[in-house]
All heavy atoms as atom14 arrays in JSON, in Angstrom:
{
  "sequence": "VITLQSTNEYSSNGIYYIEYGQKKFVRYVEKINNTQVIISTGKNE",
  "atom14_mask": [
    [1, 1, 1, 1, 1, 1, 1, 0, 0, 0, 0, 0, 0, 0],
    [1, 1, 1, 1, 1, 1, 1, 1, 0, 0, 0, 0, 0, 0],
    [1, 1, 1, 1, 1, 1, 1, 0, 0, 0, 0, 0, 0, 0],
    [1, 1, 1, 1, 1, 1, 1, 1, 0, 0, 0, 0, 0, 0],
    [1, 1, 1, 1, 1, 1, 1, 1, 1, 0, 0, 0, 0, 0],
    [1, 1, 1, 1, 1, 1, 0, 0, 0, 0, 0, 0, 0, 0],
    [1, 1, 1, 1, 1, 1, 1, 0, 0, 0, 0, 0, 0, 0],
    [1, 1, 1, 1, 1, 1, 1, 1, 0, 0, 0, 0, 0, 0],
    [1, 1, 1, 1, 1, 1, 1, 1, 1, 0, 0, 0, 0, 0],
    [1, 1, 1, 1, 1, 1, 1, 1, 1, 1, 1, 1, 0, 0],
    [1, 1, 1, 1, 1, 1, 0, 0, 0, 0, 0, 0, 0, 0],
    [1, 1, 1, 1, 1, 1, 0, 0, 0, 0, 0, 0, 0, 0],
    [1, 1, 1, 1, 1, 1, 1, 1, 0, 0, 0, 0, 0, 0],
    [1, 1, 1, 1, 0, 0, 0, 0, 0, 0, 0, 0, 0, 0],
    [1, 1, 1, 1, 1, 1, 1, 1, 0, 0, 0, 0, 0, 0],
    [1, 1, 1, 1, 1, 1, 1, 1, 1, 1, 1, 1, 0, 0],
    [1, 1, 1, 1, 1, 1, 1, 1, 1, 1, 1, 1, 0, 0],
    [1, 1, 1, 1, 1, 1, 1, 1, 0, 0, 0, 0, 0, 0],
    [1, 1, 1, 1, 1, 1, 1, 1, 1, 0, 0, 0, 0, 0],
    [1, 1, 1, 1, 1, 1, 1, 1, 1, 1, 1, 1, 0, 0],
    [1, 1, 1, 1, 0, 0, 0, 0, 0, 0, 0, 0, 0, 0],
    [1, 1, 1, 1, 1, 1, 1, 1, 1, 0, 0, 0, 0, 0],
    [1, 1, 1, 1, 1, 1, 1, 1, 1, 0, 0, 0, 0, 0],
    [1, 1, 1, 1, 1, 1, 1, 1, 1, 0, 0, 0, 0, 0],
    [1, 1, 1, 1, 1, 1, 1, 1, 1, 1, 1, 0, 0, 0],
    [1, 1, 1, 1, 1, 1, 1, 0, 0, 0, 0, 0, 0, 0],
    [1, 1, 1, 1, 1, 1, 1, 1, 1, 1, 1, 0, 0, 0],
    [1, 1, 1, 1, 1, 1, 1, 1, 1, 1, 1, 1, 0, 0],
    [1, 1, 1, 1, 1, 1, 1, 0, 0, 0, 0, 0, 0, 0],
    [1, 1, 1, 1, 1, 1, 1, 1, 1, 0, 0, 0, 0, 0],
    [1, 1, 1, 1, 1, 1, 1, 1, 1, 0, 0, 0, 0, 0],
    [1, 1, 1, 1, 1, 1, 1, 1, 0, 0, 0, 0, 0, 0],
    [1, 1, 1, 1, 1, 1, 1, 1, 0, 0, 0, 0, 0, 0],
    [1, 1, 1, 1, 1, 1, 1, 1, 0, 0, 0, 0, 0, 0],
    [1, 1, 1, 1, 1, 1, 1, 0, 0, 0, 0, 0, 0, 0],
    [1, 1, 1, 1, 1, 1, 1, 1, 1, 0, 0, 0, 0, 0],
    [1, 1, 1, 1, 1, 1, 1, 0, 0, 0, 0, 0, 0, 0],
    [1, 1, 1, 1, 1, 1, 1, 1, 0, 0, 0, 0, 0, 0],
    [1, 1, 1, 1, 1, 1, 1, 1, 0, 0, 0, 0, 0, 0],
    [1, 1, 1, 1, 1, 1, 0, 0, 0, 0, 0, 0, 0, 0],
    [1, 1, 1, 1, 1, 1, 1, 0, 0, 0, 0, 0, 0, 0],
    [1, 1, 1, 1, 0, 0, 0, 0, 0, 0, 0, 0, 0, 0],
    [1, 1, 1, 1, 1, 1, 1, 1, 1, 0, 0, 0, 0, 0],
    [1, 1, 1, 1, 1, 1, 1, 1, 0, 0, 0, 0, 0, 0],
    [1, 1, 1, 1, 1, 1, 1, 1, 1, 0, 0, 0, 0, 0]
  ],
  "atom14_positions": [
    [[94.61, 84.16, 84.27], [94.95, 82.94, 85.02], [94.09, 82.9, 86.28], [94.1, 83.79, 87.11], [96.44, 82.91, 85.41], [96.75, 81.7, 86.29], [97.3, 82.91, 84.13], [0.0, 0.0, 0.0], [0.0, 0.0, 0.0], [0.0, 0.0, 0.0], [0.0, 0.0, 0.0], [0.0, 0.0, 0.0], [0.0, 0.0, 0.0], [0.0, 0.0, 0.0]],
    [[93.31, 81.8, 86.43], [92.41, 81.64, 87.56], [93.05, 80.7, 88.61], [93.54, 79.64, 88.28], [91.07, 81.03, 87.09], [90.38, 81.99, 86.11], [90.16, 80.77, 88.3], [89.1, 81.43, 85.53], [0.0, 0.0, 0.0], [0.0, 0.0, 0.0], [0.0, 0.0, 0.0], [0.0, 0.0, 0.0], [0.0, 0.0, 0.0], [0.0, 0.0, 0.0]],
    [[93.08, 81.16, 89.86], [93.52, 80.34, 90.97], [92.32, 79.55, 91.49], [91.26, 80.12, 91.77], [94.08, 81.2, 92.1], [95.16, 82.02, 91.59], [94.63, 80.31, 93.24], [0.0, 0.0, 0.0], [0.0, 0.0, 0.0], [0.0, 0.0, 0.0], [0.0, 0.0, 0.0], [0.0, 0.0, 0.0], [0.0, 0.0, 0.0], [0.0, 0.0, 0.0]],
    [[92.5, 78.22, 91.58], [91.41, 77.35, 91.98], [91.7, 76.67, 93.31], [92.86, 76.31, 93.57], [91.18, 76.26, 90.93], [90.78, 76.7, 89.53], [90.92, 75.54, 88.58], [89.35, 77.21, 89.49], [0.0, 0.0, 0.0], [0.0, 0.0, 0.0], [0.0, 0.0, 0.0], [0.0, 0.0, 0.0], [0.0, 0.0, 0.0], [0.0, 0.0, 0.0]],
    [[90.68, 76.53, 94.12], [90.78, 75.67, 95.3], [90.15, 74.33, 94.93], [88.99, 74.24, 94.59], [90.02, 76.28, 96.47], [90.1, 75.4, 97.73], [89.45, 76.06, 98.93], [88.92, 77.17, 98.83], [89.5, 75.41, 100.06], [0.0, 0.0, 0.0], [0.0, 0.0, 0.0], [0.0, 0.0, 0.0], [0.0, 0.0, 0.0], [0.0, 0.0, 0.0]],
    [[90.98, 73.3, 94.98], [90.51, 71.97, 94.56], [89.35, 71.49, 95.44], [89.42, 71.56, 96.66], [91.65, 70.96, 94.64], [92.71, 71.34, 93.8], [0.0, 0.0, 0.0], [0.0, 0.0, 0.0], [0.0, 0.0, 0.0], [0.0, 0.0, 0.0], [0.0, 0.0, 0.0], [0.0, 0.0, 0.0], [0.0, 0.0, 0.0], [0.0, 0.0, 0.0]],
    [[88.28, 71.08, 94.78], [87.12, 70.54, 95.49], [86.28, 69.75, 94.51], [86.32, 69.97, 93.3], [86.23, 71.65, 96.1], [85.15, 71.08, 96.8], [85.72, 72.59, 95.05], [0.0, 0.0, 0.0], [0.0, 0.0, 0.0], [0.0, 0.0, 0.0], [0.0, 0.0, 0.0], [0.0, 0.0, 0.0], [0.0, 0.0, 0.0], [0.0, 0.0, 0.0]],
    [[85.53, 68.77, 95.02], [84.64, 68.02, 94.15], [83.18, 68.22, 94.55], [82.29, 67.46, 94.15], [84.99, 66.52, 94.17], [84.93, 65.94, 95.59], [84.5, 66.63, 96.53], [85.38, 64.71, 95.73], [0.0, 0.0, 0.0], [0.0, 0.0, 0.0], [0.0, 0.0, 0.0], [0.0, 0.0, 0.0], [0.0, 0.0, 0.0], [0.0, 0.0, 0.0]],
    [[82.94, 69.26, 95.36], [81.6, 69.55, 95.85], [81.19, 70.98, 95.54], [82.02, 71.9, 95.53], [81.53, 69.3, 97.35], [81.78, 67.86, 97.76], [81.64, 67.67, 99.29], [81.49, 68.71, 99.99], [81.69, 66.53, 99.73], [0.0, 0.0, 0.0], [0.0, 0.0, 0.0], [0.0, 0.0, 0.0], [0.0, 0.0, 0.0], [0.0, 0.0, 0.0]],
    [[79.91, 71.15, 95.26], [79.34, 72.48, 95.09], [79.13, 73.11, 96.45], [78.61, 72.45, 97.38], [77.99, 72.36, 94.35], [77.22, 73.66, 94.28], [77.38, 74.55, 93.21], [76.34, 74.04, 95.29], [76.67, 75.71, 93.15], [75.65, 75.21, 95.25], [75.81, 76.06, 94.16], [75.12, 77.25, 94.1], [0.0, 0.0, 0.0], [0.0, 0.0, 0.0]],
    [[79.53, 74.36, 96.65], [79.38, 75.04, 97.92], [78.43, 76.23, 97.83], [77.59, 76.41, 98.7], [80.75, 75.49, 98.45], [81.37, 76.38, 97.56], [0.0, 0.0, 0.0], [0.0, 0.0, 0.0], [0.0, 0.0, 0.0], [0.0, 0.0, 0.0], [0.0, 0.0, 0.0], [0.0, 0.0, 0.0], [0.0, 0.0, 0.0], [0.0, 0.0, 0.0]],
    [[78.58, 77.03, 96.78], [77.72, 78.21, 96.6], [77.85, 78.68, 95.15], [78.76, 78.24, 94.44], [78.12, 79.34, 97.57], [79.46, 79.74, 97.34], [0.0, 0.0, 0.0], [0.0, 0.0, 0.0], [0.0, 0.0, 0.0], [0.0, 0.0, 0.0], [0.0, 0.0, 0.0], [0.0, 0.0, 0.0], [0.0, 0.0, 0.0], [0.0, 0.0, 0.0]],
    [[76.98, 79.58, 94.72], [77.06, 80.09, 93.35], [78.42, 80.73, 93.15], [78.92, 81.45, 93.98], [75.94, 81.11, 93.12], [74.58, 80.52, 93.18], [74.41, 79.29, 93.15], [73.54, 81.35, 93.21], [0.0, 0.0, 0.0], [0.0, 0.0, 0.0], [0.0, 0.0, 0.0], [0.0, 0.0, 0.0], [0.0, 0.0, 0.0], [0.0, 0.0, 0.0]],
    [[78.99, 80.45, 91.95], [80.3, 81.04, 91.67], [80.9, 80.45, 90.42], [80.28, 79.69, 89.68], [0.0, 0.0, 0.0], [0.0, 0.0, 0.0], [0.0, 0.0, 0.0], [0.0, 0.0, 0.0], [0.0, 0.0, 0.0], [0.0, 0.0, 0.0], [0.0, 0.0, 0.0], [0.0, 0.0, 0.0], [0.0, 0.0, 0.0], [0.0, 0.0, 0.0]],
    [[82.17, 80.83, 90.2], [82.94, 80.34, 89.02], [83.59, 79.02, 89.41], [84.33, 78.94, 90.39], [83.99, 81.35, 88.59], [83.36, 82.69, 88.24], [84.79, 80.82, 87.41], [82.4, 82.67, 87.07], [0.0, 0.0, 0.0], [0.0, 0.0, 0.0], [0.0, 0.0, 0.0], [0.0, 0.0, 0.0], [0.0, 0.0, 0.0], [0.0, 0.0, 0.0]],
    [[83.35, 77.99, 88.62], [83.9, 76.67, 88.86], [84.64, 76.14, 87.63], [84.31, 76.49, 86.5], [82.78, 75.67, 89.23], [82.2, 75.84, 90.61], [81.19, 76.77, 90.83], [82.63, 75.04, 91.67], [80.64, 76.93, 92.09], [82.07, 75.18, 92.94], [81.07, 76.11, 93.15], [80.51, 76.26, 94.39], [0.0, 0.0, 0.0], [0.0, 0.0, 0.0]],
    [[85.61, 75.3, 87.9], [86.26, 74.51, 86.83], [85.61, 73.14, 86.86], [85.69, 72.42, 87.88], [87.75, 74.41, 87.1], [88.56, 73.69, 86.05], [88.29, 73.78, 84.69], [89.63, 72.88, 86.42], [89.01, 73.11, 83.75], [90.39, 72.22, 85.49], [90.1, 72.3, 84.16], [90.86, 71.65, 83.21], [0.0, 0.0, 0.0], [0.0, 0.0, 0.0]],
    [[84.87, 72.79, 85.78], [84.06, 71.56, 85.8], [84.3, 70.71, 84.59], [84.93, 71.15, 83.59], [82.56, 71.92, 85.87], [82.11, 72.67, 84.61], [82.24, 72.72, 87.13], [80.62, 72.91, 84.52], [0.0, 0.0, 0.0], [0.0, 0.0, 0.0], [0.0, 0.0, 0.0], [0.0, 0.0, 0.0], [0.0, 0.0, 0.0], [0.0, 0.0, 0.0]],
    [[83.82, 69.49, 84.66], [83.79, 68.59, 83.49], [82.36, 68.17, 83.26], [81.66, 67.74, 84.16], [84.66, 67.35, 83.79], [84.74, 66.41, 82.59], [85.69, 65.23, 82.83], [86.53, 65.31, 83.77], [85.57, 64.23, 82.09], [0.0, 0.0, 0.0], [0.0, 0.0, 0.0], [0.0, 0.0, 0.0], [0.0, 0.0, 0.0], [0.0, 0.0, 0.0]],
    [[81.92, 68.36, 81.99], [80.54, 68.02, 81.62], [80.53, 67.6, 80.14], [81.14, 68.23, 79.29], [79.62, 69.24, 81.78], [78.2, 69.02, 81.29], [77.35, 68.16, 81.96], [77.75, 69.68, 80.15], [76.06, 67.93, 81.47], [76.47, 69.49, 79.67], [75.61, 68.6, 80.35], [74.33, 68.43, 79.89], [0.0, 0.0, 0.0], [0.0, 0.0, 0.0]],
    [[79.9, 66.48, 79.88], [79.85, 65.99, 78.5], [81.22, 65.66, 77.97], [81.52, 65.94, 76.81], [0.0, 0.0, 0.0], [0.0, 0.0, 0.0], [0.0, 0.0, 0.0], [0.0, 0.0, 0.0], [0.0, 0.0, 0.0], [0.0, 0.0, 0.0], [0.0, 0.0, 0.0], [0.0, 0.0, 0.0], [0.0, 0.0, 0.0], [0.0, 0.0, 0.0]],
    [[82.08, 65.13, 78.84], [83.46, 64.73, 78.49], [84.34, 65.92, 78.08], [85.34, 65.73, 77.41], [83.46, 63.66, 77.39], [82.75, 62.34, 77.8], [82.81, 61.29, 76.72], [83.01, 61.61, 75.56], [82.65, 60.05, 77.1], [0.0, 0.0, 0.0], [0.0, 0.0, 0.0], [0.0, 0.0, 0.0], [0.0, 0.0, 0.0], [0.0, 0.0, 0.0]],
    [[83.92, 67.12, 78.49], [84.74, 68.31, 78.21], [84.98, 69.08, 79.5], [84.09, 69.07, 80.39], [84.05, 69.23, 77.19], [83.96, 68.64, 75.78], [83.32, 69.65, 74.84], [83.26, 69.08, 73.43], [82.65, 70.08, 72.49], [0.0, 0.0, 0.0], [0.0, 0.0, 0.0], [0.0, 0.0, 0.0], [0.0, 0.0, 0.0], [0.0, 0.0, 0.0]],
    [[86.14, 69.7, 79.61], [86.47, 70.51, 80.78], [86.41, 71.98, 80.4], [86.88, 72.38, 79.34], [87.86, 70.17, 81.31], [88.01, 68.77, 81.87], [89.44, 68.5, 82.33], [89.6, 67.09, 82.89], [90.99, 66.86, 83.34], [0.0, 0.0, 0.0], [0.0, 0.0, 0.0], [0.0, 0.0, 0.0], [0.0, 0.0, 0.0], [0.0, 0.0, 0.0]],
    [[85.85, 72.81, 81.28], [85.79, 74.26, 81.03], [85.48, 74.99, 82.32], [85.06, 74.4, 83.31], [84.77, 74.6, 79.92], [83.5, 73.8, 79.97], [82.56, 74.03, 80.98], [83.21, 72.82, 79.04], [81.38, 73.33, 81.03], [82.06, 72.09, 79.08], [81.12, 72.35, 80.08], [0.0, 0.0, 0.0], [0.0, 0.0, 0.0], [0.0, 0.0, 0.0]],
    [[85.64, 76.32, 82.25], [85.35, 77.21, 83.37], [84.0, 77.82, 83.12], [83.76, 78.42, 82.05], [86.44, 78.29, 83.54], [86.04, 79.27, 84.65], [87.78, 77.68, 83.86], [0.0, 0.0, 0.0], [0.0, 0.0, 0.0], [0.0, 0.0, 0.0], [0.0, 0.0, 0.0], [0.0, 0.0, 0.0], [0.0, 0.0, 0.0], [0.0, 0.0, 0.0]],
    [[83.08, 77.73, 84.07], [81.73, 78.24, 83.92], [81.2, 78.77, 85.24], [81.66, 78.39, 86.32], [80.79, 77.15, 83.39], [81.03, 76.69, 81.97], [80.69, 77.78, 80.97], [80.8, 77.3, 79.6], [81.91, 77.34, 78.88], [83.04, 77.85, 79.43], [81.93, 76.89, 77.64], [0.0, 0.0, 0.0], [0.0, 0.0, 0.0], [0.0, 0.0, 0.0]],
    [[80.18, 79.63, 85.11], [79.46, 80.06, 86.31], [78.38, 79.02, 86.61], [77.63, 78.61, 85.73], [78.76, 81.42, 86.05], [78.02, 81.96, 87.23], [78.7, 82.59, 88.28], [76.64, 81.85, 87.33], [78.01, 83.07, 89.38], [75.94, 82.34, 88.42], [76.64, 82.95, 89.46], [75.98, 83.41, 90.55], [0.0, 0.0, 0.0], [0.0, 0.0, 0.0]],
    [[78.35, 78.56, 87.87], [77.42, 77.54, 88.29], [76.47, 78.14, 89.31], [76.89, 78.66, 90.33], [78.14, 76.29, 88.89], [77.13, 75.23, 89.32], [79.11, 75.7, 87.88], [0.0, 0.0, 0.0], [0.0, 0.0, 0.0], [0.0, 0.0, 0.0], [0.0, 0.0, 0.0], [0.0, 0.0, 0.0], [0.0, 0.0, 0.0], [0.0, 0.0, 0.0]],
    [[75.15, 78.02, 89.01], [74.11, 78.57, 89.88], [73.15, 77.47, 90.27], [72.61, 76.76, 89.39], [73.38, 79.7, 89.19], [72.28, 80.35, 90.02], [71.57, 81.46, 89.29], [71.98, 81.8, 88.15], [70.6, 82.01, 89.85], [0.0, 0.0, 0.0], [0.0, 0.0, 0.0], [0.0, 0.0, 0.0], [0.0, 0.0, 0.0], [0.0, 0.0, 0.0]],
    [[72.92, 77.33, 91.55], [72.02, 76.25, 92.03], [70.56, 76.67, 91.94], [70.18, 77.76, 92.32], [72.37, 75.91, 93.5], [71.74, 74.63, 93.99], [72.29, 74.29, 95.38], [71.76, 72.97, 95.89], [72.29, 72.65, 97.22], [0.0, 0.0, 0.0], [0.0, 0.0, 0.0], [0.0, 0.0, 0.0], [0.0, 0.0, 0.0], [0.0, 0.0, 0.0]],
    [[69.71, 75.78, 91.36], [68.27, 76.01, 91.27], [67.56, 75.42, 92.47], [66.74, 76.0, 93.13], [67.7, 75.43, 89.97], [68.4, 76.04, 88.76], [66.19, 75.67, 89.89], [68.01, 75.41, 87.43], [0.0, 0.0, 0.0], [0.0, 0.0, 0.0], [0.0, 0.0, 0.0], [0.0, 0.0, 0.0], [0.0, 0.0, 0.0], [0.0, 0.0, 0.0]],
    [[67.89, 74.14, 92.72], [67.34, 73.42, 93.89], [68.4, 72.4, 94.32], [69.55, 72.47, 93.9], [65.98, 72.77, 93.55], [66.07, 71.91, 92.28], [66.97, 71.08, 92.16], [65.12, 72.09, 91.37], [0.0, 0.0, 0.0], [0.0, 0.0, 0.0], [0.0, 0.0, 0.0], [0.0, 0.0, 0.0], [0.0, 0.0, 0.0], [0.0, 0.0, 0.0]],
    [[67.99, 71.47, 95.14], [68.96, 70.52, 95.71], [69.53, 69.56, 94.65], [70.55, 68.9, 94.9], [68.33, 69.7, 96.82], [68.05, 70.57, 98.06], [68.74, 71.56, 98.25], [67.08, 70.16, 98.86], [0.0, 0.0, 0.0], [0.0, 0.0, 0.0], [0.0, 0.0, 0.0], [0.0, 0.0, 0.0], [0.0, 0.0, 0.0], [0.0, 0.0, 0.0]],
    [[68.87, 69.46, 93.49], [69.33, 68.49, 92.49], [69.72, 69.13, 91.14], [70.38, 68.49, 90.32], [68.27, 67.41, 92.23], [67.08, 68.07, 91.76], [67.98, 66.65, 93.51], [0.0, 0.0, 0.0], [0.0, 0.0, 0.0], [0.0, 0.0, 0.0], [0.0, 0.0, 0.0], [0.0, 0.0, 0.0], [0.0, 0.0, 0.0], [0.0, 0.0, 0.0]],
    [[69.3, 70.37, 90.9], [69.48, 70.99, 89.58], [70.35, 72.26, 89.7], [70.25, 73.01, 90.67], [68.14, 71.39, 88.95], [67.24, 70.2, 88.65], [67.75, 69.33, 87.55], [68.11, 68.17, 87.77], [67.86, 69.85, 86.34], [0.0, 0.0, 0.0], [0.0, 0.0, 0.0], [0.0, 0.0, 0.0], [0.0, 0.0, 0.0], [0.0, 0.0, 0.0]],
    [[71.2, 72.47, 88.68], [72.01, 73.7, 88.59], [71.96, 74.23, 87.17], [71.61, 73.52, 86.24], [73.47, 73.45, 89.01], [73.59, 73.04, 90.46], [74.12, 72.4, 88.08], [0.0, 0.0, 0.0], [0.0, 0.0, 0.0], [0.0, 0.0, 0.0], [0.0, 0.0, 0.0], [0.0, 0.0, 0.0], [0.0, 0.0, 0.0], [0.0, 0.0, 0.0]],
    [[72.32, 75.52, 87.04], [72.47, 76.13, 85.72], [73.95, 76.42, 85.54], [74.61, 77.02, 86.39], [71.67, 77.44, 85.6], [70.19, 77.14, 85.59], [72.08, 78.18, 84.32], [69.33, 78.4, 85.56], [0.0, 0.0, 0.0], [0.0, 0.0, 0.0], [0.0, 0.0, 0.0], [0.0, 0.0, 0.0], [0.0, 0.0, 0.0], [0.0, 0.0, 0.0]],
    [[74.52, 75.95, 84.43], [75.91, 76.31, 84.08], [75.85, 77.26, 82.9], [75.11, 77.04, 81.96], [76.76, 75.06, 83.77], [76.15, 74.23, 82.65], [76.93, 74.2, 85.03], [77.02, 73.04, 82.27], [0.0, 0.0, 0.0], [0.0, 0.0, 0.0], [0.0, 0.0, 0.0], [0.0, 0.0, 0.0], [0.0, 0.0, 0.0], [0.0, 0.0, 0.0]],
    [[76.62, 78.35, 82.97], [76.53, 79.36, 81.93], [77.82, 80.13, 81.82], [78.72, 80.08, 82.68], [75.38, 80.33, 82.24], [75.73, 81.16, 83.34], [0.0, 0.0, 0.0], [0.0, 0.0, 0.0], [0.0, 0.0, 0.0], [0.0, 0.0, 0.0], [0.0, 0.0, 0.0], [0.0, 0.0, 0.0], [0.0, 0.0, 0.0], [0.0, 0.0, 0.0]],
    [[77.92, 80.9, 80.71], [79.02, 81.8, 80.49], [78.63, 83.22, 80.93], [79.46, 84.14, 80.87], [79.41, 81.84, 79.01], [78.29, 82.3, 78.25], [79.82, 80.5, 78.52], [0.0, 0.0, 0.0], [0.0, 0.0, 0.0], [0.0, 0.0, 0.0], [0.0, 0.0, 0.0], [0.0, 0.0, 0.0], [0.0, 0.0, 0.0], [0.0, 0.0, 0.0]],
    [[77.4, 83.39, 81.34], [76.89, 84.7, 81.72], [75.9, 85.25, 80.73], [75.19, 86.2, 81.01], [0.0, 0.0, 0.0], [0.0, 0.0, 0.0], [0.0, 0.0, 0.0], [0.0, 0.0, 0.0], [0.0, 0.0, 0.0], [0.0, 0.0, 0.0], [0.0, 0.0, 0.0], [0.0, 0.0, 0.0], [0.0, 0.0, 0.0], [0.0, 0.0, 0.0]],
    [[75.84, 84.6, 79.57], [74.85, 84.99, 78.56], [73.64, 84.05, 78.64], [73.78, 82.85, 78.78], [75.47, 84.9, 77.16], [76.64, 85.82, 76.94], [77.19, 85.64, 75.52], [78.37, 86.57, 75.28], [78.91, 86.4, 73.91], [0.0, 0.0, 0.0], [0.0, 0.0, 0.0], [0.0, 0.0, 0.0], [0.0, 0.0, 0.0], [0.0, 0.0, 0.0]],
    [[72.45, 84.63, 78.58], [71.24, 83.84, 78.75], [71.15, 82.71, 77.71], [70.7, 81.6, 78.02], [70.0, 84.73, 78.64], [69.92, 85.69, 79.83], [70.43, 85.4, 80.89], [69.25, 86.82, 79.63], [0.0, 0.0, 0.0], [0.0, 0.0, 0.0], [0.0, 0.0, 0.0], [0.0, 0.0, 0.0], [0.0, 0.0, 0.0], [0.0, 0.0, 0.0]],
    [[71.62, 82.99, 76.49], [71.47, 81.98, 75.45], [72.41, 80.81, 75.64], [72.26, 79.75, 75.03], [71.72, 82.6, 74.05], [73.12, 83.15, 73.87], [73.24, 84.62, 74.22], [72.34, 85.08, 75.01], [74.16, 85.3, 73.75], [0.0, 0.0, 0.0], [0.0, 0.0, 0.0], [0.0, 0.0, 0.0], [0.0, 0.0, 0.0], [0.0, 0.0, 0.0]]
  ]
}
């Protein structure tokens, strides 16, 4: 069970609860630059 702090803004690399492609899931979000991020489960593939 993950405790979440409600927010609609990216603050720093970490675990986020997000919606993408009309689906909701928990993923690691890593910022590449001011406009791009990588969302992953921790596996490169």
